C-alpha cells in the first residue's frame, strides 16, 4: 500500500470514529432525556443505538467520560448559538433582550439535549457527594448576565446594582429561563413566544433606571 493510500485510510478511519462517537452521544442524550439519568445505562444506550456495549467502551473509557462529552457538546453548542447574537447588539438593553430570546429559542430547539443536561446536573456527583457540574454551570451562565448588567449601569441605562444584587438579578433571569425548560418537560405545546415576550417585559422593567 502506498503512503498516500495509508494516509487516506487513516483519515477515513478518523472520520468514521468521529461519526460513531457522535452517534453514541446522540443516543445517550436521547436515552437520558427519555428514561432519566439512573435508568440510562450503557446497555440501554447500546440497545437504542443498535450496537454492543463493547463499541461504546471502545470510544469512551466509561459512562462518566460519555456524560462529560454530552456536557461539553451542550455548552459549546449553546455558546456558539447565543454569544455571537448577543455580542452583535449595540446596547445593554438589547443585549439582555437577545440573551433571553436566544436562550429560550435554543432550549426549545434542543429539548432532548437540554433535558439530558438537567438530568445529569441534578444527579451526577463527585466522589465527595457534590454536584459535578454545579459550580461550572453557575459561572458559565451567570457571568454573561452580570456583565450585561454592569455595562448597562456604566452607560446609565440600567438602575444601580451592587455586586450581590447583580448576582441576584442574574440568578432570577437564569431561573426564569430554566423554569421554561421545566415547563417544556411538562408540556411540549407550551407557547414559546408568549413566554419570551413576558420575560423580556418583566426584566426590561425590573432593570430600568
C-alpha atoms as a PDB file:
ATOM      1  CA  UNK A   1       0.000   0.000   0.000  1.00  0.00           C
ATOM      2  CA  UNK A   2       1.358   3.410  -0.940  1.00  0.00           C
ATOM      3  CA  UNK A   3       1.987   6.152   1.598  1.00  0.00           C
ATOM      4  CA  UNK A   4      -0.840   8.180   0.043  1.00  0.00           C
ATOM      5  CA  UNK A   5      -3.326   5.308   0.440  1.00  0.00           C
ATOM      6  CA  UNK A   6      -2.279   4.775   4.070  1.00  0.00           C
ATOM      7  CA  UNK A   7      -2.902   8.442   4.844  1.00  0.00           C
ATOM      8  CA  UNK A   8      -6.271   8.283   3.087  1.00  0.00           C
ATOM      9  CA  UNK A   9      -7.291   5.208   5.104  1.00  0.00           C
ATOM     10  CA  UNK A  10      -6.223   6.898   8.338  1.00  0.00           C
ATOM     11  CA  UNK A  11      -8.338   9.948   7.526  1.00  0.00           C
ATOM     12  CA  UNK A  12     -11.316   7.745   6.653  1.00  0.00           C
ATOM     13  CA  UNK A  13     -10.930   5.810   9.893  1.00  0.00           C
ATOM     14  CA  UNK A  14     -10.731   9.046  11.848  1.00  0.00           C
ATOM     15  CA  UNK A  15     -13.895  10.276  10.136  1.00  0.00           C
ATOM     16  CA  UNK A  16     -15.695   7.001  10.873  1.00  0.00           C
ATOM     17  CA  UNK A  17     -14.604   7.072  14.514  1.00  0.00           C
ATOM     18  CA  UNK A  18     -15.784  10.644  14.921  1.00  0.00           C
ATOM     19  CA  UNK A  19     -19.116   9.778  13.310  1.00  0.00           C
ATOM     20  CA  UNK A  20     -19.517   6.788  15.640  1.00  0.00           C
ATOM     21  CA  UNK A  21     -18.705   8.897  18.718  1.00  0.00           C
ATOM     22  CA  UNK A  22     -21.257  11.474  17.596  1.00  0.00           C
ATOM     23  CA  UNK A  23     -23.850   8.733  17.111  1.00  0.00           C
ATOM     24  CA  UNK A  24     -23.211   7.325  20.594  1.00  0.00           C
ATOM     25  CA  UNK A  25     -23.503  10.779  22.169  1.00  0.00           C
ATOM     26  CA  UNK A  26     -26.799  11.406  20.346  1.00  0.00           C
ATOM     27  CA  UNK A  27     -28.290   8.125  21.552  1.00  0.00           C
ATOM     28  CA  UNK A  28     -27.019   8.780  25.070  1.00  0.00           C
ATOM     29  CA  UNK A  29     -28.786  12.158  25.042  1.00  0.00           C
ATOM     30  CA  UNK A  30     -31.989  10.543  23.800  1.00  0.00           C
ATOM     31  CA  UNK A  31     -31.811   7.785  26.428  1.00  0.00           C
ATOM     32  CA  UNK A  32     -31.124  10.125  29.365  1.00  0.00           C
ATOM     33  CA  UNK A  33     -33.809  12.590  28.249  1.00  0.00           C
ATOM     34  CA  UNK A  34     -36.468   9.874  27.927  1.00  0.00           C
ATOM     35  CA  UNK A  35     -35.539   7.421  30.713  1.00  0.00           C
ATOM     36  CA  UNK A  36     -33.758   9.643  33.204  1.00  0.00           C
ATOM     37  CA  UNK A  37     -30.179   9.543  34.446  1.00  0.00           C
ATOM     38  CA  UNK A  38     -30.474   6.494  36.716  1.00  0.00           C
ATOM     39  CA  UNK A  39     -32.054   4.308  34.016  1.00  0.00           C
ATOM     40  CA  UNK A  40     -29.705   5.389  31.223  1.00  0.00           C
ATOM     41  CA  UNK A  41     -27.206   2.540  31.453  1.00  0.00           C
ATOM     42  CA  UNK A  42     -24.625   1.826  28.780  1.00  0.00           C
ATOM     43  CA  UNK A  43     -26.715  -1.231  27.956  1.00  0.00           C
ATOM     44  CA  UNK A  44     -29.791   0.914  27.301  1.00  0.00           C
ATOM     45  CA  UNK A  45     -27.789   3.346  25.193  1.00  0.00           C
ATOM     46  CA  UNK A  46     -26.257   0.494  23.192  1.00  0.00           C
ATOM     47  CA  UNK A  47     -29.694  -1.066  22.665  1.00  0.00           C
ATOM     48  CA  UNK A  48     -31.112   2.160  21.236  1.00  0.00           C
ATOM     49  CA  UNK A  49     -28.061   2.687  19.038  1.00  0.00           C
ATOM     50  CA  UNK A  50     -28.243  -0.974  17.921  1.00  0.00           C
ATOM     51  CA  UNK A  51     -24.619  -1.590  18.829  1.00  0.00           C
ATOM     52  CA  UNK A  52     -22.854  -3.600  21.507  1.00  0.00           C
ATOM     53  CA  UNK A  53     -21.666  -2.155  24.807  1.00  0.00           C
ATOM     54  CA  UNK A  54     -18.180  -3.019  23.601  1.00  0.00           C
ATOM     55  CA  UNK A  55     -18.483  -0.453  20.822  1.00  0.00           C
ATOM     56  CA  UNK A  56     -19.278   2.239  23.385  1.00  0.00           C
ATOM     57  CA  UNK A  57     -16.354   1.104  25.554  1.00  0.00           C
ATOM     58  CA  UNK A  58     -14.055   1.345  22.541  1.00  0.00           C
ATOM     59  CA  UNK A  59     -14.866   5.029  22.098  1.00  0.00           C
ATOM     60  CA  UNK A  60     -15.421   6.042  25.737  1.00  0.00           C
ATOM     61  CA  UNK A  61     -13.493   4.721  28.739  1.00  0.00           C
ATOM     62  CA  UNK A  62     -16.623   4.657  30.913  1.00  0.00           C
ATOM     63  CA  UNK A  63     -20.071   6.183  31.382  1.00  0.00           C
ATOM     64  CA  UNK A  64     -18.602   9.250  33.110  1.00  0.00           C
ATOM     65  CA  UNK A  65     -16.474  10.094  30.062  1.00  0.00           C
ATOM     66  CA  UNK A  66     -19.524   9.766  27.816  1.00  0.00           C
ATOM     67  CA  UNK A  67     -21.536  12.056  30.082  1.00  0.00           C
ATOM     68  CA  UNK A  68     -18.673  14.552  30.131  1.00  0.00           C
ATOM     69  CA  UNK A  69     -18.787  14.654  26.331  1.00  0.00           C
ATOM     70  CA  UNK A  70     -22.535  15.327  26.396  1.00  0.00           C
ATOM     71  CA  UNK A  71     -21.954  18.312  28.690  1.00  0.00           C
ATOM     72  CA  UNK A  72     -19.040  19.630  26.614  1.00  0.00           C
ATOM     73  CA  UNK A  73     -21.020  19.459  23.378  1.00  0.00           C
ATOM     74  CA  UNK A  74     -24.009  21.135  25.009  1.00  0.00           C
ATOM     75  CA  UNK A  75     -22.077  24.140  26.288  1.00  0.00           C
ATOM     76  CA  UNK A  76     -20.142  24.507  23.050  1.00  0.00           C
ATOM     77  CA  UNK A  77     -23.387  24.475  21.047  1.00  0.00           C
ATOM     78  CA  UNK A  78     -25.050  26.882  23.496  1.00  0.00           C
ATOM     79  CA  UNK A  79     -22.184  29.372  23.355  1.00  0.00           C
ATOM     80  CA  UNK A  80     -21.822  29.117  19.582  1.00  0.00           C
ATOM     81  CA  UNK A  81     -25.509  29.906  19.159  1.00  0.00           C
ATOM     82  CA  UNK A  82     -26.074  32.623  21.773  1.00  0.00           C
ATOM     83  CA  UNK A  83     -22.813  34.564  22.118  1.00  0.00           C
ATOM     84  CA  UNK A  84     -22.474  35.968  18.556  1.00  0.00           C
ATOM     85  CA  UNK A  85     -26.102  37.152  18.566  1.00  0.00           C
ATOM     86  CA  UNK A  86     -25.730  38.842  21.941  1.00  0.00           C
ATOM     87  CA  UNK A  87     -22.402  40.489  21.091  1.00  0.00           C
ATOM     88  CA  UNK A  88     -23.861  41.851  17.838  1.00  0.00           C
ATOM     89  CA  UNK A  89     -26.208  44.132  19.797  1.00  0.00           C
ATOM     90  CA  UNK A  90     -25.317  47.796  20.272  1.00  0.00           C
ATOM     91  CA  UNK A  91     -26.834  48.469  23.697  1.00  0.00           C
ATOM     92  CA  UNK A  92     -27.023  46.577  27.025  1.00  0.00           C
ATOM     93  CA  UNK A  93     -30.828  46.707  26.852  1.00  0.00           C
ATOM     94  CA  UNK A  94     -30.800  44.893  23.507  1.00  0.00           C
ATOM     95  CA  UNK A  95     -28.114  42.505  24.725  1.00  0.00           C
ATOM     96  CA  UNK A  96     -30.309  41.492  27.665  1.00  0.00           C
ATOM     97  CA  UNK A  97     -33.340  41.078  25.417  1.00  0.00           C
ATOM     98  CA  UNK A  98     -31.395  38.931  22.959  1.00  0.00           C
ATOM     99  CA  UNK A  99     -29.856  36.910  25.815  1.00  0.00           C
ATOM    100  CA  UNK A 100     -33.338  35.951  26.947  1.00  0.00           C
ATOM    101  CA  UNK A 101     -34.658  35.337  23.440  1.00  0.00           C
ATOM    102  CA  UNK A 102     -31.732  33.256  22.215  1.00  0.00           C
ATOM    103  CA  UNK A 103     -31.590  31.118  25.345  1.00  0.00           C
ATOM    104  CA  UNK A 104     -35.283  30.285  25.173  1.00  0.00           C
ATOM    105  CA  UNK A 105     -35.068  29.537  21.458  1.00  0.00           C
ATOM    106  CA  UNK A 106     -32.003  27.337  21.963  1.00  0.00           C
ATOM    107  CA  UNK A 107     -33.794  25.384  24.686  1.00  0.00           C
ATOM    108  CA  UNK A 108     -36.876  24.916  22.513  1.00  0.00           C
ATOM    109  CA  UNK A 109     -34.861  23.738  19.506  1.00  0.00           C
ATOM    110  CA  UNK A 110     -32.622  21.393  21.540  1.00  0.00           C
ATOM    111  CA  UNK A 111     -35.084  19.959  24.027  1.00  0.00           C
ATOM    112  CA  UNK A 112     -33.652  16.455  24.366  1.00  0.00           C
ATOM    113  CA  UNK A 113     -30.115  17.730  24.904  1.00  0.00           C
ATOM    114  CA  UNK A 114     -31.337  20.236  27.488  1.00  0.00           C
ATOM    115  CA  UNK A 115     -33.425  17.622  29.304  1.00  0.00           C
ATOM    116  CA  UNK A 116     -30.401  15.307  29.409  1.00  0.00           C
ATOM    117  CA  UNK A 117     -28.241  18.081  30.873  1.00  0.00           C
ATOM    118  CA  UNK A 118     -30.856  18.741  33.575  1.00  0.00           C
ATOM    119  CA  UNK A 119     -30.910  15.037  34.477  1.00  0.00           C
ATOM    120  CA  UNK A 120     -27.126  14.932  34.630  1.00  0.00           C
ATOM    121  CA  UNK A 121     -26.808  18.187  36.519  1.00  0.00           C
ATOM    122  CA  UNK A 122     -29.259  17.006  39.167  1.00  0.00           C
ATOM    123  CA  UNK A 123     -27.809  13.511  39.622  1.00  0.00           C
ATOM    124  CA  UNK A 124     -24.146  13.329  38.632  1.00  0.00           C
ATOM    125  CA  UNK A 125     -21.945  13.773  41.697  1.00  0.00           C
ATOM    126  CA  UNK A 126     -18.253  13.764  42.522  1.00  0.00           C
ATOM    127  CA  UNK A 127     -16.650  11.234  44.882  1.00  0.00           C
ATOM    128  CA  UNK A 128     -17.296  13.551  47.858  1.00  0.00           C
ATOM    129  CA  UNK A 129     -21.006  13.864  47.027  1.00  0.00           C
ATOM    130  CA  UNK A 130     -21.030  17.319  45.429  1.00  0.00           C
ATOM    131  CA  UNK A 131     -22.957  18.008  42.234  1.00  0.00           C
ATOM    132  CA  UNK A 132     -20.362  17.627  39.492  1.00  0.00           C
ATOM    133  CA  UNK A 133     -21.375  20.432  37.131  1.00  0.00           C
ATOM    134  CA  UNK A 134     -22.903  22.894  39.620  1.00  0.00           C
ATOM    135  CA  UNK A 135     -20.052  25.421  40.015  1.00  0.00           C
ATOM    136  CA  UNK A 136     -19.010  25.398  36.354  1.00  0.00           C
ATOM    137  CA  UNK A 137     -22.634  25.757  35.268  1.00  0.00           C
ATOM    138  CA  UNK A 138     -23.255  28.735  37.565  1.00  0.00           C
ATOM    139  CA  UNK A 139     -20.238  30.700  36.382  1.00  0.00           C
ATOM    140  CA  UNK A 140     -20.790  29.873  32.709  1.00  0.00           C
ATOM    141  CA  UNK A 141     -24.383  31.073  32.623  1.00  0.00           C
ATOM    142  CA  UNK A 142     -24.407  33.824  35.260  1.00  0.00           C
ATOM    143  CA  UNK A 143     -21.301  35.838  34.384  1.00  0.00           C
ATOM    144  CA  UNK A 144     -22.561  36.899  30.924  1.00  0.00           C
ATOM    145  CA  UNK A 145     -25.739  38.267  32.515  1.00  0.00           C
ATOM    146  CA  UNK A 146     -23.792  40.094  35.217  1.00  0.00           C
ATOM    147  CA  UNK A 147     -21.511  41.584  32.557  1.00  0.00           C
ATOM    148  CA  UNK A 148     -24.536  42.911  30.655  1.00  0.00           C
ATOM    149  CA  UNK A 149     -25.949  44.408  33.860  1.00  0.00           C
ATOM    150  CA  UNK A 150     -22.606  46.057  34.668  1.00  0.00           C
ATOM    151  CA  UNK A 151     -22.334  47.529  31.181  1.00  0.00           C
ATOM    152  CA  UNK A 152     -25.903  48.826  31.448  1.00  0.00           C
ATOM    153  CA  UNK A 153     -25.086  50.572  34.734  1.00  0.00           C
ATOM    154  CA  UNK A 154     -21.944  52.114  33.271  1.00  0.00           C
ATOM    155  CA  UNK A 155     -23.922  53.513  30.339  1.00  0.00           C
ATOM    156  CA  UNK A 156     -26.685  54.812  32.592  1.00  0.00           C
ATOM    157  CA  UNK A 157     -29.352  52.546  31.083  1.00  0.00           C
ATOM    158  CA  UNK A 158     -29.893  50.158  33.997  1.00  0.00           C
ATOM    159  CA  UNK A 159     -30.512  51.022  37.622  1.00  0.00           C
ATOM    160  CA  UNK A 160     -27.667  50.668  40.099  1.00  0.00           C
ATOM    161  CA  UNK A 161     -26.786  47.166  41.264  1.00  0.00           C
ATOM    162  CA  UNK A 162     -24.395  46.134  43.999  1.00  0.00           C
ATOM    163  CA  UNK A 163     -22.244  43.082  43.375  1.00  0.00           C
ATOM    164  CA  UNK A 164     -24.712  40.976  45.354  1.00  0.00           C
ATOM    165  CA  UNK A 165     -27.871  42.436  43.820  1.00  0.00           C
ATOM    166  CA  UNK A 166     -26.420  41.944  40.323  1.00  0.00           C
ATOM    167  CA  UNK A 167     -25.904  38.264  41.175  1.00  0.00           C
ATOM    168  CA  UNK A 168     -29.470  38.092  42.495  1.00  0.00           C
ATOM    169  CA  UNK A 169     -30.825  39.619  39.280  1.00  0.00           C
ATOM    170  CA  UNK A 170     -28.685  37.290  37.158  1.00  0.00           C
ATOM    171  CA  UNK A 171     -29.956  34.301  39.141  1.00  0.00           C
ATOM    172  CA  UNK A 172     -33.538  35.480  38.729  1.00  0.00           C
ATOM    173  CA  UNK A 173     -33.157  35.857  34.963  1.00  0.00           C
ATOM    174  CA  UNK A 174     -31.468  32.473  34.653  1.00  0.00           C
ATOM    175  CA  UNK A 175     -34.013  30.731  36.870  1.00  0.00           C
ATOM    176  CA  UNK A 176     -36.840  32.158  34.769  1.00  0.00           C
ATOM    177  CA  UNK A 177     -35.155  30.739  31.656  1.00  0.00           C
ATOM    178  CA  UNK A 178     -34.558  27.379  33.327  1.00  0.00           C
ATOM    179  CA  UNK A 179     -38.172  27.405  34.512  1.00  0.00           C
ATOM    180  CA  UNK A 180     -39.174  27.457  30.865  1.00  0.00           C
ATOM    181  CA  UNK A 181     -37.242  24.205  30.427  1.00  0.00           C
ATOM    182  CA  UNK A 182     -39.149  22.569  33.278  1.00  0.00           C
ATOM    183  CA  UNK A 183     -42.451  23.713  31.794  1.00  0.00           C
ATOM    184  CA  UNK A 184     -41.459  22.261  28.418  1.00  0.00           C
ATOM    185  CA  UNK A 185     -40.807  18.926  30.108  1.00  0.00           C
ATOM    186  CA  UNK A 186     -44.375  19.026  31.385  1.00  0.00           C
ATOM    187  CA  UNK A 187     -45.996  20.459  28.284  1.00  0.00           C
ATOM    188  CA  UNK A 188     -44.322  20.278  24.870  1.00  0.00           C
ATOM    189  CA  UNK A 189     -47.007  22.567  23.390  1.00  0.00           C
ATOM    190  CA  UNK A 190     -46.033  25.447  25.670  1.00  0.00           C
ATOM    191  CA  UNK A 191     -46.268  28.860  23.978  1.00  0.00           C
ATOM    192  CA  UNK A 192     -42.635  29.879  23.490  1.00  0.00           C
ATOM    193  CA  UNK A 193     -43.308  33.303  22.018  1.00  0.00           C
ATOM    194  CA  UNK A 194     -45.686  34.432  24.743  1.00  0.00           C
ATOM    195  CA  UNK A 195     -43.314  33.253  27.452  1.00  0.00           C
ATOM    196  CA  UNK A 196     -40.423  35.031  25.743  1.00  0.00           C
ATOM    197  CA  UNK A 197     -42.345  38.307  25.373  1.00  0.00           C
ATOM    198  CA  UNK A 198     -43.393  38.235  29.020  1.00  0.00           C
ATOM    199  CA  UNK A 199     -39.876  37.585  30.301  1.00  0.00           C
ATOM    200  CA  UNK A 200     -38.416  40.366  28.172  1.00  0.00           C
ATOM    201  CA  UNK A 201     -41.062  42.774  29.504  1.00  0.00           C
ATOM    202  CA  UNK A 202     -40.506  41.734  33.129  1.00  0.00           C
ATOM    203  CA  UNK A 203     -36.741  42.172  33.034  1.00  0.00           C
ATOM    204  CA  UNK A 204     -36.783  45.353  30.966  1.00  0.00           C
ATOM    205  CA  UNK A 205     -38.936  46.922  33.681  1.00  0.00           C
ATOM    206  CA  UNK A 206     -37.009  45.472  36.627  1.00  0.00           C
ATOM    207  CA  UNK A 207     -33.607  46.634  35.301  1.00  0.00           C
ATOM    208  CA  UNK A 208     -34.721  50.042  34.042  1.00  0.00           C
ATOM    209  CA  UNK A 209     -33.104  53.038  35.706  1.00  0.00           C
END
